[in-house]
């Protein structure tokens, strides 16, 4: 084989190695952000499981606030449905945006319930309510950390798929951009709900 033939063979092998490496790297990053979303999903399910117990405890004390309690359950069910849709395909940008909107609605409903609970001293002193509220706060923190890890993974994936020359390869194999999980509330809604039990 001539020198030109060897050079051609090395270039072809090098190109094949680069293509395989790029493809595998993009797959690994896509799987990493999907795994990161799965961690969010675990914490959201925990949160959704806590909410009916919280409402049940509050129901005995807040009989006149039936509409608020029903709104919390409806928001919880909507968020749970949105989470299931997003979990089925974390690469679906619309599903991720739908989850963010549903979570904002749930946070708003919970905030209203906690604000109204301030008017019920017996509820504020109830040990079950205190334990559930503490567990919900802990879960909210875990959701926040999982969301940060997810967004970091999405950013790394999107950066890689948009960088040259990987962007050519990503387009050819249809590696779609991933959606960050961002808050959808207005600046006013982003204010932390102050709950004092």
Protein backbone atom coordinates (compact mmCIF):
# COMPACT_ATOMS: atom_id res chain seq x y z
CA UNK A 1 0.00 0.00 0.00
CA UNK A 2 1.33 3.43 -0.89
CA UNK A 3 1.83 6.31 1.52
CA UNK A 4 -1.25 8.04 0.11
CA UNK A 5 -3.29 4.90 0.76
CA UNK A 6 -2.13 4.75 4.38
CA UNK A 7 -2.92 8.41 4.92
CA UNK A 8 -6.39 7.92 3.46
CA UNK A 9 -6.94 4.86 5.71
CA UNK A 10 -5.82 6.80 8.81
CA UNK A 11 -8.14 9.70 7.92
CA UNK A 12 -11.10 7.33 7.40
CA UNK A 13 -10.41 5.50 10.68
CA UNK A 14 -9.91 8.81 12.51
CA UNK A 15 -13.19 10.14 11.12
CA UNK A 16 -15.01 6.97 12.13
CA UNK A 17 -13.58 7.14 15.66
CA UNK A 18 -14.58 10.82 15.92
CA UNK A 19 -18.12 10.06 14.68
CA UNK A 20 -18.57 7.18 17.11
CA UNK A 21 -17.14 9.23 19.97
CA UNK A 22 -19.38 12.21 19.19
CA UNK A 23 -22.50 10.07 18.88
CA UNK A 24 -21.77 8.18 22.11
CA UNK A 25 -21.00 11.44 23.92
CA UNK A 26 -24.32 12.96 22.89
CA UNK A 27 -26.18 9.80 23.91
CA UNK A 28 -24.43 9.83 27.30
CA UNK A 29 -25.34 13.48 27.90
CA UNK A 30 -28.95 12.90 26.82
CA UNK A 31 -29.20 9.95 29.20
CA UNK A 32 -27.65 12.04 31.98
CA UNK A 33 -30.32 14.74 31.72
CA UNK A 34 -33.05 12.09 31.52
CA UNK A 35 -31.67 10.52 34.68
CA UNK A 36 -31.55 13.93 36.33
CA UNK A 37 -35.22 14.41 35.46
CA UNK A 38 -35.99 11.02 37.00
CA UNK A 39 -34.56 12.35 40.27
CA UNK A 40 -36.93 15.31 40.09
CA UNK A 41 -39.78 12.92 39.35
CA UNK A 42 -39.05 10.87 42.48
CA UNK A 43 -39.21 13.96 44.68
CA UNK A 44 -42.33 15.29 42.95
CA UNK A 45 -44.11 11.97 43.54
CA UNK A 46 -43.15 12.19 47.20
CA UNK A 47 -44.54 15.73 47.29
CA UNK A 48 -47.77 14.66 45.58
CA UNK A 49 -48.18 11.84 48.10
CA UNK A 50 -47.83 14.26 51.03
CA UNK A 51 -50.40 16.78 49.82
CA UNK A 52 -53.57 14.67 50.32
CA UNK A 53 -52.46 13.95 53.91
CA UNK A 54 -51.84 17.65 54.48
CA UNK A 55 -55.28 18.54 53.11
CA UNK A 56 -56.92 15.80 55.18
CA UNK A 57 -55.40 17.17 58.39
CA UNK A 58 -56.39 20.73 57.46
CA UNK A 59 -59.92 19.69 56.44
CA UNK A 60 -61.00 19.12 60.02
CA UNK A 61 -59.96 22.61 61.02
CA UNK A 62 -60.67 24.56 57.85
CA UNK A 63 -64.23 23.41 57.14
CA UNK A 64 -65.16 26.85 55.78
CA UNK A 65 -62.23 26.80 53.35
CA UNK A 66 -63.48 23.88 51.26
CA UNK A 67 -62.84 25.71 47.97
CA UNK A 68 -59.21 26.31 48.88
CA UNK A 69 -58.67 22.68 49.87
CA UNK A 70 -60.32 21.47 46.66
CA UNK A 71 -58.10 23.85 44.66
CA UNK A 72 -55.01 22.32 46.29
CA UNK A 73 -56.12 18.80 45.37
CA UNK A 74 -57.03 19.86 41.80
CA UNK A 75 -53.64 21.58 41.41
CA UNK A 76 -51.91 18.50 42.82
CA UNK A 77 -53.71 16.24 40.34
CA UNK A 78 -52.86 18.57 37.45
CA UNK A 79 -49.20 18.69 38.46
CA UNK A 80 -49.09 14.91 38.87
CA UNK A 81 -50.49 14.43 35.37
CA UNK A 82 -48.00 16.95 33.94
CA UNK A 83 -45.15 15.18 35.77
CA UNK A 84 -46.16 11.83 34.30
CA UNK A 85 -46.21 13.32 30.80
CA UNK A 86 -42.79 14.92 31.31
CA UNK A 87 -41.37 11.74 32.84
CA UNK A 88 -42.42 9.73 29.81
CA UNK A 89 -40.17 11.92 27.64
CA UNK A 90 -37.96 14.47 29.43
CA UNK A 91 -36.69 15.61 26.02
CA UNK A 92 -40.17 16.96 25.14
CA UNK A 93 -39.93 20.71 25.66
CA UNK A 94 -43.70 21.21 25.77
CA UNK A 95 -44.07 18.59 28.50
CA UNK A 96 -41.35 20.25 30.58
CA UNK A 97 -42.98 23.67 30.15
CA UNK A 98 -46.34 22.16 31.07
CA UNK A 99 -44.83 20.67 34.22
CA UNK A 100 -43.31 24.01 35.19
CA UNK A 101 -46.69 25.74 34.75
CA UNK A 102 -48.53 23.01 36.72
CA UNK A 103 -45.96 23.18 39.51
CA UNK A 104 -46.39 26.96 39.68
CA UNK A 105 -50.15 26.46 40.04
CA UNK A 106 -49.66 23.90 42.79
CA UNK A 107 -47.23 26.14 44.67
CA UNK A 108 -49.73 28.98 44.46
CA UNK A 109 -52.58 26.81 45.77
CA UNK A 110 -50.44 25.51 48.63
CA UNK A 111 -49.32 29.04 49.47
CA UNK A 112 -52.94 30.18 49.68
CA UNK A 113 -53.82 27.22 51.91
CA UNK A 114 -50.90 27.95 54.24
CA UNK A 115 -51.82 31.63 54.39
CA UNK A 116 -55.40 30.77 55.32
CA UNK A 117 -54.19 28.24 57.91
CA UNK A 118 -52.71 31.15 59.86
CA UNK A 119 -56.26 31.95 61.01
CA UNK A 120 -56.64 28.55 62.68
CA UNK A 121 -54.52 28.35 65.87
CA UNK A 122 -55.50 24.73 66.58
CA UNK A 123 -54.35 23.71 63.11
CA UNK A 124 -51.06 25.55 63.55
CA UNK A 125 -50.45 23.57 66.75
CA UNK A 126 -51.47 20.17 65.35
CA UNK A 127 -48.52 17.77 65.48
CA UNK A 128 -49.54 15.95 62.30
CA UNK A 129 -49.75 19.26 60.44
CA UNK A 130 -46.35 20.31 61.76
CA UNK A 131 -44.77 16.99 60.74
CA UNK A 132 -46.35 17.08 57.28
CA UNK A 133 -45.31 20.69 56.77
CA UNK A 134 -41.72 19.84 57.79
CA UNK A 135 -41.66 16.87 55.42
CA UNK A 136 -43.10 19.00 52.62
CA UNK A 137 -40.42 21.65 53.21
CA UNK A 138 -37.72 18.98 53.10
CA UNK A 139 -39.17 17.61 49.87
CA UNK A 140 -39.32 21.10 48.35
CA UNK A 141 -35.60 21.48 49.09
CA UNK A 142 -34.85 18.14 47.45
CA UNK A 143 -36.91 19.13 44.41
CA UNK A 144 -34.87 22.34 44.19
CA UNK A 145 -31.56 20.46 44.28
CA UNK A 146 -32.80 17.89 41.74
CA UNK A 147 -34.03 20.70 39.47
CA UNK A 148 -30.62 22.36 39.63
CA UNK A 149 -28.88 19.07 38.72
CA UNK A 150 -31.32 18.57 35.85
CA UNK A 151 -30.79 22.07 34.49
CA UNK A 152 -27.01 21.63 34.74
CA UNK A 153 -27.26 18.38 32.76
CA UNK A 154 -29.52 19.99 30.16
CA UNK A 155 -27.13 22.91 29.77
CA UNK A 156 -24.17 20.56 29.27
CA UNK A 157 -26.12 18.50 26.69
CA UNK A 158 -27.38 21.58 24.81
CA UNK A 159 -23.92 23.14 24.78
CA UNK A 160 -22.40 20.00 23.34
CA UNK A 161 -25.10 19.55 20.67
CA UNK A 162 -24.81 23.22 19.63
CA UNK A 163 -20.99 23.33 19.49
CA UNK A 164 -19.16 22.97 16.19
CA UNK A 165 -18.58 20.37 14.75
CA UNK A 166 -20.85 18.31 17.01
CA UNK A 167 -23.86 20.41 15.95
CA UNK A 168 -23.62 18.99 12.41
CA UNK A 169 -23.58 15.47 13.76
CA UNK A 170 -26.36 16.20 16.29
CA UNK A 171 -28.56 17.59 13.52
CA UNK A 172 -27.93 14.59 11.30
CA UNK A 173 -28.95 12.14 14.06
CA UNK A 174 -31.78 14.38 15.28
CA UNK A 175 -30.55 15.12 18.79
CA UNK A 176 -33.21 17.66 19.75
CA UNK A 177 -32.54 20.49 22.23
CA UNK A 178 -33.61 19.83 25.79
CA UNK A 179 -35.76 22.28 27.76
CA UNK A 180 -34.62 23.79 31.05
CA UNK A 181 -37.07 23.41 33.93
CA UNK A 182 -37.70 27.03 34.87
CA UNK A 183 -40.16 28.75 37.14
CA UNK A 184 -43.08 30.23 35.24
CA UNK A 185 -44.42 32.49 37.97
CA UNK A 186 -44.41 36.24 37.83
CA UNK A 187 -41.99 38.15 40.06
CA UNK A 188 -44.76 38.54 42.63
CA UNK A 189 -45.50 34.80 42.70
CA UNK A 190 -41.80 34.02 43.06
CA UNK A 191 -41.78 35.52 46.52
CA UNK A 192 -41.31 32.76 49.07
CA UNK A 193 -44.48 31.94 50.96
CA UNK A 194 -43.92 32.67 54.61
CA UNK A 195 -45.50 29.92 56.69
CA UNK A 196 -45.37 30.03 60.47
CA UNK A 197 -46.76 27.00 62.21
